[in-house]
């Protein structure tokens, strides 16, 4: 089944590739396909952006001057254990293939690649990961991520936050995992417990 343009626009793809020309090419190709795409030549900058914005798929080059792609993948997994990562490399080897698969890479594509091959890999990722989500689900995921991040910065357990907010541990856990859409009343209690402003959860969404 073809992916509708409307659905694709809900998907954000990050390209981490130190070849500037290939970055531009991939962003143009992905944008034409209807995806929201951003490219980073610096893995460090890409990882920093990933802390503040939700991406669904990463196209990751393995051989970069600033940082080895396998190391980048390990750092990505620390930030997001579920994000779909497709490896791009001009230097395929059994060792790197095994190492990236250990880090749960979704696919491994040799460069130079055919456009249709890349598009097919993305389509498989969309189907396998169930990546077409509605906007409300995406908002819940981002709010949950922010709640969890702020809780951990304050060195609070789920139980401690729940006690401070006067809510159940189960509800806080469901909000962080985006299994439950939090009401404004609930988020007001959470923001008060975290000593932050309510709008912090919604900024940029």
Protein backbone atom coordinates (compact mmCIF):
# COMPACT_ATOMS: atom_id res chain seq x y z
CA UNK A 1 0.00 0.00 0.00
CA UNK A 2 1.39 3.42 -0.93
CA UNK A 3 2.05 5.94 1.81
CA UNK A 4 -0.06 9.06 1.37
CA UNK A 5 1.74 12.42 1.23
CA UNK A 6 -0.32 13.58 4.19
CA UNK A 7 0.91 10.63 6.25
CA UNK A 8 4.53 11.08 5.18
CA UNK A 9 4.55 14.67 6.38
CA UNK A 10 4.04 13.36 9.90
CA UNK A 11 7.38 11.57 9.64
CA UNK A 12 10.60 13.39 10.49
CA UNK A 13 13.82 11.98 9.05
CA UNK A 14 17.26 13.00 10.28
CA UNK A 15 20.29 12.56 8.03
CA UNK A 16 23.71 12.33 9.72
CA UNK A 17 26.29 12.47 6.95
CA UNK A 18 29.49 14.53 6.72
CA UNK A 19 29.36 14.84 2.92
CA UNK A 20 27.65 18.21 2.35
CA UNK A 21 26.57 17.39 -1.21
CA UNK A 22 24.98 14.10 -0.17
CA UNK A 23 23.23 15.86 2.72
CA UNK A 24 21.68 18.35 0.30
CA UNK A 25 20.74 15.58 -2.11
CA UNK A 26 19.06 13.44 0.54
CA UNK A 27 17.11 16.36 2.02
CA UNK A 28 15.86 17.26 -1.45
CA UNK A 29 14.95 13.64 -2.23
CA UNK A 30 13.15 13.08 1.07
CA UNK A 31 11.34 16.42 0.88
CA UNK A 32 10.11 15.57 -2.62
CA UNK A 33 8.80 12.30 -1.19
CA UNK A 34 6.78 14.30 1.33
CA UNK A 35 8.86 13.72 4.46
CA UNK A 36 10.14 16.40 6.83
CA UNK A 37 13.91 16.08 6.53
CA UNK A 38 16.90 17.68 8.25
CA UNK A 39 20.58 16.94 7.63
CA UNK A 40 23.56 17.32 9.95
CA UNK A 41 27.20 17.07 8.92
CA UNK A 42 28.22 17.09 12.58
CA UNK A 43 27.14 14.03 14.60
CA UNK A 44 27.51 16.08 17.80
CA UNK A 45 25.05 18.70 16.53
CA UNK A 46 22.67 15.96 15.40
CA UNK A 47 22.70 14.29 18.80
CA UNK A 48 22.08 17.63 20.51
CA UNK A 49 19.10 18.34 18.23
CA UNK A 50 17.70 14.88 18.95
CA UNK A 51 17.43 15.85 22.62
CA UNK A 52 14.96 18.60 21.76
CA UNK A 53 13.03 17.33 18.75
CA UNK A 54 11.34 14.05 17.93
CA UNK A 55 12.58 12.20 14.84
CA UNK A 56 11.17 8.92 13.56
CA UNK A 57 13.97 7.70 11.26
CA UNK A 58 17.71 8.38 11.14
CA UNK A 59 19.86 7.82 8.04
CA UNK A 60 23.36 7.39 9.49
CA UNK A 61 26.68 7.33 7.67
CA UNK A 62 29.20 4.97 9.25
CA UNK A 63 32.46 6.64 8.25
CA UNK A 64 32.69 10.26 9.41
CA UNK A 65 35.69 12.36 10.44
CA UNK A 66 34.18 13.77 13.64
CA UNK A 67 32.87 10.53 15.10
CA UNK A 68 32.62 6.88 14.09
CA UNK A 69 29.10 5.96 12.99
CA UNK A 70 28.92 2.96 15.33
CA UNK A 71 29.73 5.26 18.26
CA UNK A 72 27.06 7.69 17.06
CA UNK A 73 24.56 4.82 16.95
CA UNK A 74 25.40 3.87 20.55
CA UNK A 75 24.78 7.47 21.64
CA UNK A 76 21.52 7.57 19.69
CA UNK A 77 20.36 4.46 21.54
CA UNK A 78 21.04 6.17 24.88
CA UNK A 79 18.77 9.02 23.81
CA UNK A 80 16.10 6.94 22.12
CA UNK A 81 16.05 3.16 22.31
CA UNK A 82 13.24 2.84 19.77
CA UNK A 83 14.10 5.27 16.96
CA UNK A 84 14.56 3.58 13.58
CA UNK A 85 18.15 3.84 12.26
CA UNK A 86 19.13 2.97 8.68
CA UNK A 87 22.88 2.67 8.11
CA UNK A 88 24.48 4.10 4.95
CA UNK A 89 28.07 3.12 4.17
CA UNK A 90 30.52 3.02 1.29
CA UNK A 91 32.70 0.62 3.29
CA UNK A 92 30.53 -2.36 4.22
CA UNK A 93 32.05 -5.11 6.32
CA UNK A 94 30.80 -8.07 8.29
CA UNK A 95 32.14 -6.57 11.55
CA UNK A 96 30.35 -3.24 11.17
CA UNK A 97 27.17 -4.94 10.01
CA UNK A 98 27.19 -7.15 13.12
CA UNK A 99 28.00 -4.24 15.42
CA UNK A 100 25.24 -2.02 14.04
CA UNK A 101 22.72 -4.85 14.21
CA UNK A 102 23.66 -5.34 17.87
CA UNK A 103 22.60 -1.72 18.33
CA UNK A 104 19.29 -2.56 16.65
CA UNK A 105 19.93 -0.86 13.29
CA UNK A 106 16.94 -1.47 11.06
CA UNK A 107 18.75 -1.75 7.73
CA UNK A 108 22.24 -1.53 6.22
CA UNK A 109 22.57 0.07 2.77
CA UNK A 110 25.71 0.23 0.66
CA UNK A 111 26.68 3.53 -1.01
CA UNK A 112 26.26 4.53 -3.76
CA UNK A 113 22.65 3.48 -3.43
CA UNK A 114 19.74 3.57 -5.81
CA UNK A 115 17.00 6.03 -4.92
CA UNK A 116 14.38 3.32 -5.12
CA UNK A 117 16.42 1.10 -2.79
CA UNK A 118 16.51 3.85 -0.16
CA UNK A 119 12.82 4.69 -0.55
CA UNK A 120 11.97 0.98 -0.22
CA UNK A 121 14.03 0.73 2.99
CA UNK A 122 12.18 3.72 4.46
CA UNK A 123 8.85 2.20 3.44
CA UNK A 124 9.80 -1.07 5.19
CA UNK A 125 10.75 0.91 8.29
CA UNK A 126 7.41 2.73 8.25
CA UNK A 127 5.52 -0.54 7.97
CA UNK A 128 7.61 -2.47 10.50
CA UNK A 129 7.72 0.25 13.15
CA UNK A 130 4.17 1.52 12.69
CA UNK A 131 5.60 5.00 12.25
CA UNK A 132 2.57 6.69 10.76
CA UNK A 133 1.07 8.28 13.84
CA UNK A 134 -1.50 11.00 14.23
CA UNK A 135 -0.53 14.41 15.54
CA UNK A 136 -2.20 13.91 18.91
CA UNK A 137 -0.10 10.79 19.55
CA UNK A 138 3.05 12.66 18.58
CA UNK A 139 2.20 15.47 21.01
CA UNK A 140 1.61 12.93 23.81
CA UNK A 141 4.99 11.33 23.07
CA UNK A 142 6.79 14.67 23.24
CA UNK A 143 5.03 15.75 26.45
CA UNK A 144 5.88 12.38 28.00
CA UNK A 145 9.51 12.76 26.96
CA UNK A 146 9.69 16.21 28.54
CA UNK A 147 8.09 15.08 31.80
CA UNK A 148 10.55 12.18 32.07
CA UNK A 149 13.54 14.38 31.19
CA UNK A 150 12.61 17.01 33.81
CA UNK A 151 11.92 14.36 36.44
CA UNK A 152 15.35 12.78 35.89
CA UNK A 153 17.09 16.18 35.95
CA UNK A 154 15.61 16.69 39.39
CA UNK A 155 16.67 13.17 40.45
CA UNK A 156 13.09 12.18 41.23
CA UNK A 157 11.71 8.66 41.02
CA UNK A 158 8.26 8.05 39.59
CA UNK A 159 6.97 7.53 43.12
CA UNK A 160 8.48 10.77 44.40
CA UNK A 161 6.99 12.79 41.54
CA UNK A 162 3.63 11.09 41.98
CA UNK A 163 3.63 11.92 45.70
CA UNK A 164 4.53 15.55 45.08
CA UNK A 165 1.85 15.91 42.40
CA UNK A 166 -0.81 14.00 44.32
CA UNK A 167 -1.19 11.55 41.45
CA UNK A 168 -0.73 7.81 41.05
CA UNK A 169 2.60 6.30 40.00
CA UNK A 170 0.70 4.44 37.27
CA UNK A 171 -0.64 7.68 35.76
CA UNK A 172 2.76 9.38 35.72
CA UNK A 173 4.27 6.29 34.10
CA UNK A 174 1.53 6.19 31.46
CA UNK A 175 2.09 9.87 30.64
CA UNK A 176 5.85 9.36 30.23
CA UNK A 177 5.29 6.38 27.94
CA UNK A 178 2.57 8.27 25.98
CA UNK A 179 0.06 5.57 26.88
CA UNK A 180 -2.29 8.15 28.36
CA UNK A 181 -3.12 11.70 27.24
CA UNK A 182 -2.68 13.95 30.26
CA UNK A 183 -5.38 16.51 31.02
CA UNK A 184 -4.46 20.16 31.64
CA UNK A 185 -5.38 19.63 35.28
CA UNK A 186 -2.96 16.70 35.56
CA UNK A 187 -0.14 18.54 33.79
CA UNK A 188 -0.69 21.55 36.04
CA UNK A 189 -0.09 19.31 39.07
CA UNK A 190 2.97 17.75 37.41
CA UNK A 191 4.44 21.15 36.46
CA UNK A 192 3.92 22.39 40.01
CA UNK A 193 5.62 19.28 41.43
CA UNK A 194 8.54 19.77 39.02
CA UNK A 195 8.65 23.52 39.80
CA UNK A 196 8.35 24.46 36.14
CA UNK A 197 5.82 26.39 34.08
CA UNK A 198 2.94 24.53 32.45
CA UNK A 199 3.83 25.99 29.04
CA UNK A 200 7.20 24.20 29.19
CA UNK A 201 5.39 21.00 28.19
CA UNK A 202 3.82 22.61 25.11
CA UNK A 203 6.51 24.97 23.82
CA UNK A 204 7.27 24.38 20.15
CA UNK A 205 4.59 21.73 19.65
